[in-house]
Amino acid sequence: MYPVIFQFTIPKSLQNILPDVVSIYSYGLLIALGTVLAYTHTAYFSKKQYGVSVHKTTDLVLLLIFAAVIGGKFFFFFEDPAKYLTEPKLLLQGFENGFVFFGSLLFCIPTMLWFFKQNNLPILGMLDIMALTTCIVHVFGRMGCFFAGCCYGLPTDQPWGITFEHPQSHAQPLNTPLHPSQLYSVLVLGTLIAFLWKLKKKKAFNGQVFLLYLILYSTARIFLEIFRGDYARGFIIEDVLTHSQLIALLVITIASAIYWQLKKKYSGAKAI
């Protein structure tokens, strides 16, 4: 679609210290907007429910940004280790492409657990807040993917197919209608945000919102992968099971087991 939203020409007097043209990329802009909204959500509800200071929320968000970048790139590396060992600069090029969401998520979870424990915060209650925080960042990230053309779909003859024409778009092939897999994700995440927002007001136990987020998103991701066309990310079983589908199955299994244990343990208790 539109990988670059704005471009500014730098005055000649400054071109000796700055690039001739500064570009504002849609992916980065939307991620930044999503991060600001997610931070606002986290700061408000963690303060309201558990008295967490804005300073601590800022520390948490900065730590999670770092964990998300490392985790996303770490999992991306293992999609083709030989390639990135040969040309490591490809792994580090840009922030508009080359991340694995599950990698970011699985690095962020232990980071959150460590932070909550270190700061004597209620782990399960805070995780419920972070479920919506994660969804907010993710939905803006997928909108960024749509504009940048990454995470693109398979070719389709459906009337809602999207044709990417911009030469800087990551979608392949260009000038061919593709499933708007990014928008399918946006729809799933938007629905999930609405569901989790309603659930958090009447949850049966602390941790329920976060665990259901993991289960429901991972289930949806298994089906969303069917429409993805960026097969360069590879399969565990050729044309049957992708890396993301395998991770999603593992997440569903572990999160479901913890969910039923907590439900049984806290049955009848009042969640806050």
C-alpha atoms as a PDB file:
ATOM      1  CA  MET A   1       0.000   0.000   0.000  1.00  0.00           C
ATOM      2  CA  TYR A   2       1.929   3.010   1.323  1.00  0.00           C
ATOM      3  CA  PRO A   3       5.221   1.961   2.971  1.00  0.00           C
ATOM      4  CA  VAL A   4       6.265   5.619   3.240  1.00  0.00           C
ATOM      5  CA  ILE A   5       3.708   8.072   4.652  1.00  0.00           C
ATOM      6  CA  PHE A   6       5.720  11.299   4.467  1.00  0.00           C
ATOM      7  CA  GLN A   7       9.000  12.454   3.016  1.00  0.00           C
ATOM      8  CA  PHE A   8      10.746  15.691   3.897  1.00  0.00           C
ATOM      9  CA  THR A   9      13.517  17.347   1.949  1.00  0.00           C
ATOM     10  CA  ILE A  10      16.195  18.638   4.301  1.00  0.00           C
ATOM     11  CA  PRO A  11      17.410  22.227   3.699  1.00  0.00           C
ATOM     12  CA  LYS A  12      20.727  22.319   1.863  1.00  0.00           C
ATOM     13  CA  SER A  13      22.388  24.006   4.831  1.00  0.00           C
ATOM     14  CA  LEU A  14      21.783  20.855   6.911  1.00  0.00           C
ATOM     15  CA  GLN A  15      22.440  18.200   4.280  1.00  0.00           C
ATOM     16  CA  ASN A  16      26.069  17.884   5.327  1.00  0.00           C
ATOM     17  CA  ILE A  17      24.954  16.413   8.672  1.00  0.00           C
ATOM     18  CA  LEU A  18      21.539  14.935   7.779  1.00  0.00           C
ATOM     19  CA  PRO A  19      20.222  12.814   4.886  1.00  0.00           C
ATOM     20  CA  ASP A  20      18.944  14.723   1.860  1.00  0.00           C
ATOM     21  CA  VAL A  21      15.482  13.251   2.420  1.00  0.00           C
ATOM     22  CA  VAL A  22      13.908  12.031   5.672  1.00  0.00           C
ATOM     23  CA  SER A  23      11.219   9.379   5.300  1.00  0.00           C
ATOM     24  CA  ILE A  24       8.467   8.574   7.794  1.00  0.00           C
ATOM     25  CA  TYR A  25       7.552   4.920   7.398  1.00  0.00           C
ATOM     26  CA  SER A  26       3.971   3.797   7.958  1.00  0.00           C
ATOM     27  CA  TYR A  27       4.973   0.709   9.940  1.00  0.00           C
ATOM     28  CA  GLY A  28       7.112   2.632  12.412  1.00  0.00           C
ATOM     29  CA  LEU A  29       4.552   5.408  12.751  1.00  0.00           C
ATOM     30  CA  LEU A  30       1.717   2.994  13.537  1.00  0.00           C
ATOM     31  CA  ILE A  31       3.842   0.978  15.975  1.00  0.00           C
ATOM     32  CA  ALA A  32       4.727   4.227  17.762  1.00  0.00           C
ATOM     33  CA  LEU A  33       1.063   5.234  17.953  1.00  0.00           C
ATOM     34  CA  GLY A  34       0.093   1.791  19.239  1.00  0.00           C
ATOM     35  CA  THR A  35       2.843   1.916  21.856  1.00  0.00           C
ATOM     36  CA  VAL A  36       1.647   5.294  23.144  1.00  0.00           C
ATOM     37  CA  LEU A  37      -1.948   4.054  23.434  1.00  0.00           C
ATOM     38  CA  ALA A  38      -0.819   0.801  25.069  1.00  0.00           C
ATOM     39  CA  TYR A  39       1.332   2.726  27.546  1.00  0.00           C
ATOM     40  CA  THR A  40      -1.628   4.970  28.403  1.00  0.00           C
ATOM     41  CA  HIS A  41      -3.844   1.930  28.984  1.00  0.00           C
ATOM     42  CA  THR A  42      -1.225   0.236  31.168  1.00  0.00           C
ATOM     43  CA  ALA A  43      -0.464   3.347  33.203  1.00  0.00           C
ATOM     44  CA  TYR A  44      -4.133   4.133  33.858  1.00  0.00           C
ATOM     45  CA  PHE A  45      -5.341   0.686  34.878  1.00  0.00           C
ATOM     46  CA  SER A  46      -2.247  -0.399  36.802  1.00  0.00           C
ATOM     47  CA  LYS A  47      -2.475   2.852  38.813  1.00  0.00           C
ATOM     48  CA  LYS A  48      -6.227   2.509  39.296  1.00  0.00           C
ATOM     49  CA  GLN A  49      -6.211  -1.145  40.322  1.00  0.00           C
ATOM     50  CA  TYR A  50      -2.878  -1.616  42.066  1.00  0.00           C
ATOM     51  CA  GLY A  51      -1.453   1.848  42.706  1.00  0.00           C
ATOM     52  CA  VAL A  52       1.467   1.390  40.302  1.00  0.00           C
ATOM     53  CA  SER A  53       3.355   4.633  39.748  1.00  0.00           C
ATOM     54  CA  VAL A  54       3.810   6.121  36.290  1.00  0.00           C
ATOM     55  CA  HIS A  55       7.564   5.767  36.801  1.00  0.00           C
ATOM     56  CA  LYS A  56       7.251   1.992  37.249  1.00  0.00           C
ATOM     57  CA  THR A  57       4.931   1.709  34.257  1.00  0.00           C
ATOM     58  CA  THR A  58       7.483   3.558  32.138  1.00  0.00           C
ATOM     59  CA  ASP A  59      10.233   1.186  33.279  1.00  0.00           C
ATOM     60  CA  LEU A  60       8.022  -1.795  32.436  1.00  0.00           C
ATOM     61  CA  VAL A  61       7.112  -0.556  28.962  1.00  0.00           C
ATOM     62  CA  LEU A  62      10.720   0.285  28.065  1.00  0.00           C
ATOM     63  CA  LEU A  63      11.822  -3.143  29.264  1.00  0.00           C
ATOM     64  CA  LEU A  64       9.112  -4.820  27.210  1.00  0.00           C
ATOM     65  CA  ILE A  65      10.044  -2.883  24.064  1.00  0.00           C
ATOM     66  CA  PHE A  66      13.599  -4.185  24.449  1.00  0.00           C
ATOM     67  CA  ALA A  67      12.384  -7.759  25.076  1.00  0.00           C
ATOM     68  CA  ALA A  68       9.999  -7.591  22.103  1.00  0.00           C
ATOM     69  CA  VAL A  69      12.743  -6.476  19.708  1.00  0.00           C
ATOM     70  CA  ILE A  70      15.199  -9.125  20.920  1.00  0.00           C
ATOM     71  CA  GLY A  71      12.590 -11.888  20.924  1.00  0.00           C
ATOM     72  CA  GLY A  72      11.152 -10.972  17.539  1.00  0.00           C
ATOM     73  CA  LYS A  73      14.584 -10.947  15.909  1.00  0.00           C
ATOM     74  CA  PHE A  74      15.726 -14.080  17.781  1.00  0.00           C
ATOM     75  CA  PHE A  75      12.849 -16.174  16.419  1.00  0.00           C
ATOM     76  CA  PHE A  76      13.256 -14.595  12.981  1.00  0.00           C
ATOM     77  CA  PHE A  77      16.883 -15.759  12.958  1.00  0.00           C
ATOM     78  CA  PHE A  78      15.856 -19.372  13.510  1.00  0.00           C
ATOM     79  CA  GLU A  79      13.586 -19.326  10.474  1.00  0.00           C
ATOM     80  CA  ASP A  80      16.739 -19.434   8.318  1.00  0.00           C
ATOM     81  CA  PRO A  81      19.894 -19.630  10.510  1.00  0.00           C
ATOM     82  CA  ALA A  82      22.267 -20.387   7.629  1.00  0.00           C
ATOM     83  CA  LYS A  83      21.153 -17.299   5.733  1.00  0.00           C
ATOM     84  CA  TYR A  84      21.571 -14.911   8.684  1.00  0.00           C
ATOM     85  CA  LEU A  85      24.852 -16.426   9.827  1.00  0.00           C
ATOM     86  CA  THR A  86      26.191 -15.791   6.324  1.00  0.00           C
ATOM     87  CA  GLU A  87      24.723 -12.271   6.105  1.00  0.00           C
ATOM     88  CA  PRO A  88      23.942 -11.087   9.660  1.00  0.00           C
ATOM     89  CA  LYS A  89      23.253  -7.539   8.426  1.00  0.00           C
ATOM     90  CA  LEU A  90      20.025  -8.842   6.845  1.00  0.00           C
ATOM     91  CA  LEU A  91      18.757  -9.749  10.301  1.00  0.00           C
ATOM     92  CA  LEU A  92      19.372  -6.271  11.622  1.00  0.00           C
ATOM     93  CA  GLN A  93      18.149  -4.275   8.633  1.00  0.00           C
ATOM     94  CA  GLY A  94      15.289  -1.933   9.491  1.00  0.00           C
ATOM     95  CA  PHE A  95      12.367  -2.256  11.861  1.00  0.00           C
ATOM     96  CA  GLU A  96       9.611  -2.404   9.269  1.00  0.00           C
ATOM     97  CA  ASN A  97      10.200  -6.107   8.636  1.00  0.00           C
ATOM     98  CA  GLY A  98      11.905  -9.149  10.076  1.00  0.00           C
ATOM     99  CA  PHE A  99      10.056  -9.786  13.345  1.00  0.00           C
ATOM    100  CA  VAL A 100       8.186 -12.822  14.614  1.00  0.00           C
ATOM    101  CA  PHE A 101       5.268 -11.863  16.854  1.00  0.00           C
ATOM    102  CA  PHE A 102       5.369 -15.065  18.883  1.00  0.00           C
ATOM    103  CA  GLY A 103       9.072 -14.482  19.482  1.00  0.00           C
ATOM    104  CA  SER A 104       8.335 -11.046  20.917  1.00  0.00           C
ATOM    105  CA  LEU A 105       5.458 -12.406  23.008  1.00  0.00           C
ATOM    106  CA  LEU A 106       7.416 -15.338  24.427  1.00  0.00           C
ATOM    107  CA  PHE A 107      10.295 -13.064  25.420  1.00  0.00           C
ATOM    108  CA  CYS A 108       7.930 -10.498  26.946  1.00  0.00           C
ATOM    109  CA  ILE A 109       6.079 -12.973  29.185  1.00  0.00           C
ATOM    110  CA  PRO A 110       9.067 -13.946  31.379  1.00  0.00           C
ATOM    111  CA  THR A 111      10.163 -10.300  31.360  1.00  0.00           C
ATOM    112  CA  MET A 112       6.772  -9.283  32.784  1.00  0.00           C
ATOM    113  CA  LEU A 113       6.835 -12.071  35.365  1.00  0.00           C
ATOM    114  CA  TRP A 114      10.288 -11.008  36.527  1.00  0.00           C
ATOM    115  CA  PHE A 115       9.321  -7.330  36.697  1.00  0.00           C
ATOM    116  CA  PHE A 116       6.100  -7.962  38.632  1.00  0.00           C
ATOM    117  CA  LYS A 117       7.925 -10.185  41.128  1.00  0.00           C
ATOM    118  CA  GLN A 118      10.782  -7.723  41.586  1.00  0.00           C
ATOM    119  CA  ASN A 119       8.320  -4.896  42.268  1.00  0.00           C
ATOM    120  CA  ASN A 120       5.932  -6.907  44.467  1.00  0.00           C
ATOM    121  CA  LEU A 121       3.032  -6.486  42.049  1.00  0.00           C
ATOM    122  CA  PRO A 122       0.147  -8.987  41.742  1.00  0.00           C
ATOM    123  CA  ILE A 123       1.323 -11.150  38.872  1.00  0.00           C
ATOM    124  CA  LEU A 124      -1.978 -12.535  37.625  1.00  0.00           C
ATOM    125  CA  GLY A 125      -3.854  -9.249  37.967  1.00  0.00           C
ATOM    126  CA  MET A 126      -1.150  -7.335  36.126  1.00  0.00           C
ATOM    127  CA  LEU A 127      -1.057  -9.962  33.372  1.00  0.00           C
ATOM    128  CA  ASP A 128      -4.763  -9.356  32.811  1.00  0.00           C
ATOM    129  CA  ILE A 129      -4.021  -5.671  32.242  1.00  0.00           C
ATOM    130  CA  MET A 130      -1.162  -6.563  29.902  1.00  0.00           C
ATOM    131  CA  ALA A 131      -3.420  -8.767  27.746  1.00  0.00           C
ATOM    132  CA  LEU A 132      -5.170  -5.689  26.373  1.00  0.00           C
ATOM    133  CA  THR A 133      -1.891  -3.775  26.258  1.00  0.00           C
ATOM    134  CA  THR A 134      -0.450  -6.477  23.998  1.00  0.00           C
ATOM    135  CA  CYS A 135      -3.524  -6.501  21.761  1.00  0.00           C
ATOM    136  CA  ILE A 136      -3.378  -2.734  21.310  1.00  0.00           C
ATOM    137  CA  VAL A 137       0.238  -2.774  20.151  1.00  0.00           C
ATOM    138  CA  HIS A 138      -0.405  -5.832  17.998  1.00  0.00           C
ATOM    139  CA  VAL A 139      -3.427  -4.435  16.158  1.00  0.00           C
ATOM    140  CA  PHE A 140      -1.513  -1.263  15.257  1.00  0.00           C
ATOM    141  CA  GLY A 141       1.445  -3.404  14.215  1.00  0.00           C
ATOM    142  CA  ARG A 142      -0.742  -5.393  11.833  1.00  0.00           C
ATOM    143  CA  MET A 143      -2.091  -2.176  10.342  1.00  0.00           C
ATOM    144  CA  GLY A 144       1.530  -1.192   9.828  1.00  0.00           C
ATOM    145  CA  CYS A 145       2.130  -4.550   8.137  1.00  0.00           C
ATOM    146  CA  PHE A 146      -0.727  -3.794   5.755  1.00  0.00           C
ATOM    147  CA  PHE A 147       0.759  -0.466   4.705  1.00  0.00           C
ATOM    148  CA  ALA A 148       4.277  -1.901   4.438  1.00  0.00           C
ATOM    149  CA  GLY A 149       3.116  -5.033   2.615  1.00  0.00           C
ATOM    150  CA  CYS A 150       4.795  -7.501   4.983  1.00  0.00           C
ATOM    151  CA  CYS A 151       2.952 -10.567   6.351  1.00  0.00           C
ATOM    152  CA  TYR A 152       1.131 -10.589   3.013  1.00  0.00           C
ATOM    153  CA  GLY A 153      -1.446 -13.125   1.862  1.00  0.00           C
ATOM    154  CA  LEU A 154      -1.754 -15.701  -0.872  1.00  0.00           C
ATOM    155  CA  PRO A 155      -2.970 -14.719  -4.361  1.00  0.00           C
ATOM    156  CA  THR A 156      -6.757 -14.723  -4.570  1.00  0.00           C
ATOM    157  CA  ASP A 157      -9.551 -14.032  -7.025  1.00  0.00           C
ATOM    158  CA  GLN A 158     -11.916 -12.944  -4.246  1.00  0.00           C
ATOM    159  CA  PRO A 159     -13.387  -9.440  -4.702  1.00  0.00           C
ATOM    160  CA  TRP A 160     -11.765  -8.253  -1.463  1.00  0.00           C
ATOM    161  CA  GLY A 161      -8.265  -9.127  -2.659  1.00  0.00           C
ATOM    162  CA  ILE A 162      -5.710  -6.313  -2.253  1.00  0.00           C
ATOM    163  CA  THR A 163      -3.185  -5.413  -4.959  1.00  0.00           C
ATOM    164  CA  PHE A 164       0.154  -4.025  -3.795  1.00  0.00           C
ATOM    165  CA  GLU A 165       1.817  -1.819  -6.394  1.00  0.00           C
ATOM    166  CA  HIS A 166       4.332   0.331  -4.513  1.00  0.00           C
ATOM    167  CA  PRO A 167       7.900  -0.720  -5.453  1.00  0.00           C
ATOM    168  CA  GLN A 168       8.989  -0.534  -1.791  1.00  0.00           C
ATOM    169  CA  SER A 169       6.196  -2.848  -0.658  1.00  0.00           C
ATOM    170  CA  HIS A 170       7.319  -6.165   0.857  1.00  0.00           C
ATOM    171  CA  ALA A 171       4.334  -8.022  -0.653  1.00  0.00           C
ATOM    172  CA  GLN A 172       5.033 -10.592  -3.335  1.00  0.00           C
ATOM    173  CA  PRO A 173       4.060 -10.696  -6.090  1.00  0.00           C
ATOM    174  CA  LEU A 174       3.269  -7.059  -6.782  1.00  0.00           C
ATOM    175  CA  ASN A 175       0.349  -6.075  -9.028  1.00  0.00           C
ATOM    176  CA  THR A 176      -1.504  -9.275  -8.106  1.00  0.00           C
ATOM    177  CA  PRO A 177      -4.616  -9.482  -5.875  1.00  0.00           C
ATOM    178  CA  LEU A 178      -3.658 -11.037  -2.527  1.00  0.00           C
ATOM    179  CA  HIS A 179      -5.609 -12.070   0.526  1.00  0.00           C
ATOM    180  CA  PRO A 180      -5.468  -9.075   2.920  1.00  0.00           C
ATOM    181  CA  SER A 181      -4.110 -11.342   5.669  1.00  0.00           C
ATOM    182  CA  GLN A 182      -2.980  -8.308   7.670  1.00  0.00           C
ATOM    183  CA  LEU A 183      -6.550  -6.999   7.763  1.00  0.00           C
ATOM    184  CA  TYR A 184      -7.837 -10.438   8.747  1.00  0.00           C
ATOM    185  CA  SER A 185      -5.500 -10.146  11.752  1.00  0.00           C
ATOM    186  CA  VAL A 186      -6.739  -6.621  12.485  1.00  0.00           C
ATOM    187  CA  LEU A 187     -10.320  -7.925  12.497  1.00  0.00           C
ATOM    188  CA  VAL A 188      -9.400 -10.801  14.821  1.00  0.00           C
ATOM    189  CA  LEU A 189      -7.480  -8.549  17.199  1.00  0.00           C
ATOM    190  CA  GLY A 190     -10.195  -5.882  17.208  1.00  0.00           C
ATOM    191  CA  THR A 191     -12.783  -8.522  18.103  1.00  0.00           C
ATOM    192  CA  LEU A 192     -10.459  -9.888  20.770  1.00  0.00           C
ATOM    193  CA  ILE A 193      -9.985  -6.432  22.304  1.00  0.00           C
ATOM    194  CA  ALA A 194     -13.762  -5.970  22.545  1.00  0.00           C
ATOM    195  CA  PHE A 195     -14.190  -9.428  24.103  1.00  0.00           C
ATOM    196  CA  LEU A 196     -11.371  -9.027  26.627  1.00  0.00           C
ATOM    197  CA  TRP A 197     -12.564  -5.531  27.573  1.00  0.00           C
ATOM    198  CA  LYS A 198     -15.968  -6.953  28.435  1.00  0.00           C
ATOM    199  CA  LEU A 199     -14.504 -10.016  30.165  1.00  0.00           C
ATOM    200  CA  LYS A 200     -12.216  -8.055  32.480  1.00  0.00           C
ATOM    201  CA  LYS A 201     -15.232  -6.480  34.163  1.00  0.00           C
ATOM    202  CA  LYS A 202     -16.635  -9.843  35.235  1.00  0.00           C
ATOM    203  CA  LYS A 203     -13.669 -12.231  35.214  1.00  0.00           C
ATOM    204  CA  ALA A 204     -13.947 -15.261  37.481  1.00  0.00           C
ATOM    205  CA  PHE A 205     -10.313 -15.221  38.616  1.00  0.00           C
ATOM    206  CA  ASN A 206      -7.140 -13.205  38.118  1.00  0.00           C
ATOM    207  CA  GLY A 207      -5.196 -14.434  35.116  1.00  0.00           C
ATOM    208  CA  GLN A 208      -8.317 -15.416  33.202  1.00  0.00           C
ATOM    209  CA  VAL A 209      -8.132 -12.492  30.763  1.00  0.00           C
ATOM    210  CA  PHE A 210      -4.478 -13.059  29.894  1.00  0.00           C
ATOM    211  CA  LEU A 211      -4.802 -16.825  29.494  1.00  0.00           C
ATOM    212  CA  LEU A 212      -7.907 -16.524  27.318  1.00  0.00           C
ATOM    213  CA  TYR A 213      -6.052 -13.962  25.223  1.00  0.00           C
ATOM    214  CA  LEU A 214      -3.248 -16.487  24.647  1.00  0.00           C
ATOM    215  CA  ILE A 215      -5.673 -19.315  23.852  1.00  0.00           C
ATOM    216  CA  LEU A 216      -7.981 -17.350  21.567  1.00  0.00           C
ATOM    217  CA  TYR A 217      -5.316 -15.478  19.630  1.00  0.00           C
ATOM    218  CA  SER A 218      -3.232 -18.625  19.147  1.00  0.00           C
ATOM    219  CA  THR A 219      -6.290 -20.506  17.890  1.00  0.00           C
ATOM    220  CA  ALA A 220      -7.075 -17.718  15.437  1.00  0.00           C
ATOM    221  CA  ARG A 221      -3.436 -17.591  14.332  1.00  0.00           C
ATOM    222  CA  ILE A 222      -3.530 -21.250  13.293  1.00  0.00           C
ATOM    223  CA  PHE A 223      -6.305 -20.393  10.829  1.00  0.00           C
ATOM    224  CA  LEU A 224      -4.831 -17.053   9.778  1.00  0.00           C
ATOM    225  CA  GLU A 225      -1.670 -18.860   8.672  1.00  0.00           C
ATOM    226  CA  ILE A 226      -3.729 -20.629   5.992  1.00  0.00           C
ATOM    227  CA  PHE A 227      -4.054 -17.320   4.126  1.00  0.00           C
ATOM    228  CA  ARG A 228      -0.448 -16.166   4.579  1.00  0.00           C
ATOM    229  CA  GLY A 229       1.700 -16.112   1.482  1.00  0.00           C
ATOM    230  CA  ASP A 230       5.118 -15.284   2.959  1.00  0.00           C
ATOM    231  CA  TYR A 231       6.289 -18.891   2.862  1.00  0.00           C
ATOM    232  CA  ALA A 232       9.896 -17.810   3.224  1.00  0.00           C
ATOM    233  CA  ARG A 233       9.245 -18.132   6.957  1.00  0.00           C
ATOM    234  CA  GLY A 234       9.145 -21.865   6.443  1.00  0.00           C
ATOM    235  CA  PHE A 235       7.342 -24.990   7.562  1.00  0.00           C
ATOM    236  CA  ILE A 236       7.887 -27.598  10.245  1.00  0.00           C
ATOM    237  CA  ILE A 237       5.990 -30.039   8.010  1.00  0.00           C
ATOM    238  CA  GLU A 238       6.099 -28.887   4.383  1.00  0.00           C
ATOM    239  CA  ASP A 239       2.778 -27.370   3.268  1.00  0.00           C
ATOM    240  CA  VAL A 240       1.095 -28.665   6.451  1.00  0.00           C
ATOM    241  CA  LEU A 241       2.441 -27.001   9.613  1.00  0.00           C
ATOM    242  CA  THR A 242       4.229 -23.643   9.796  1.00  0.00           C
ATOM    243  CA  HIS A 243       6.550 -22.501  12.574  1.00  0.00           C
ATOM    244  CA  SER A 244       3.884 -20.129  13.887  1.00  0.00           C
ATOM    245  CA  GLN A 245       1.224 -22.845  13.907  1.00  0.00           C
ATOM    246  CA  LEU A 246       3.465 -25.120  15.958  1.00  0.00           C
ATOM    247  CA  ILE A 247       4.170 -22.351  18.465  1.00  0.00           C
ATOM    248  CA  ALA A 248       0.456 -21.530  18.589  1.00  0.00           C
ATOM    249  CA  LEU A 249      -0.385 -25.165  19.391  1.00  0.00           C
ATOM    250  CA  LEU A 250       2.175 -25.207  22.198  1.00  0.00           C
ATOM    251  CA  VAL A 251       0.843 -21.922  23.599  1.00  0.00           C
ATOM    252  CA  ILE A 252      -2.739 -23.220  23.503  1.00  0.00           C
ATOM    253  CA  THR A 253      -1.740 -26.424  25.300  1.00  0.00           C
ATOM    254  CA  ILE A 254       0.233 -24.711  28.082  1.00  0.00           C
ATOM    255  CA  ALA A 255      -2.180 -21.805  28.557  1.00  0.00           C
ATOM    256  CA  SER A 256      -5.191 -24.159  28.660  1.00  0.00           C
ATOM    257  CA  ALA A 257      -3.565 -26.331  31.322  1.00  0.00           C
ATOM    258  CA  ILE A 258      -2.786 -23.302  33.496  1.00  0.00           C
ATOM    259  CA  TYR A 259      -6.273 -21.890  32.895  1.00  0.00           C
ATOM    260  CA  TRP A 260      -8.034 -24.988  34.214  1.00  0.00           C
ATOM    261  CA  GLN A 261      -5.699 -25.230  37.195  1.00  0.00           C
ATOM    262  CA  LEU A 262      -6.411 -21.628  38.169  1.00  0.00           C
ATOM    263  CA  LYS A 263     -10.123 -21.996  37.538  1.00  0.00           C
ATOM    264  CA  LYS A 264     -10.234 -24.996  39.842  1.00  0.00           C
ATOM    265  CA  LYS A 265      -8.044 -23.337  42.479  1.00  0.00           C
ATOM    266  CA  TYR A 266      -9.893 -20.035  42.603  1.00  0.00           C
ATOM    267  CA  SER A 267     -13.419 -21.313  41.929  1.00  0.00           C
ATOM    268  CA  GLY A 268     -15.803 -19.109  43.905  1.00  0.00           C
ATOM    269  CA  ALA A 269     -13.133 -16.502  44.760  1.00  0.00           C
ATOM    270  CA  LYS A 270     -13.659 -12.859  43.806  1.00  0.00           C
ATOM    271  CA  ALA A 271     -11.228 -11.523  41.208  1.00  0.00           C
ATOM    272  CA  ILE A 272     -10.024  -7.908  41.248  1.00  0.00           C
END
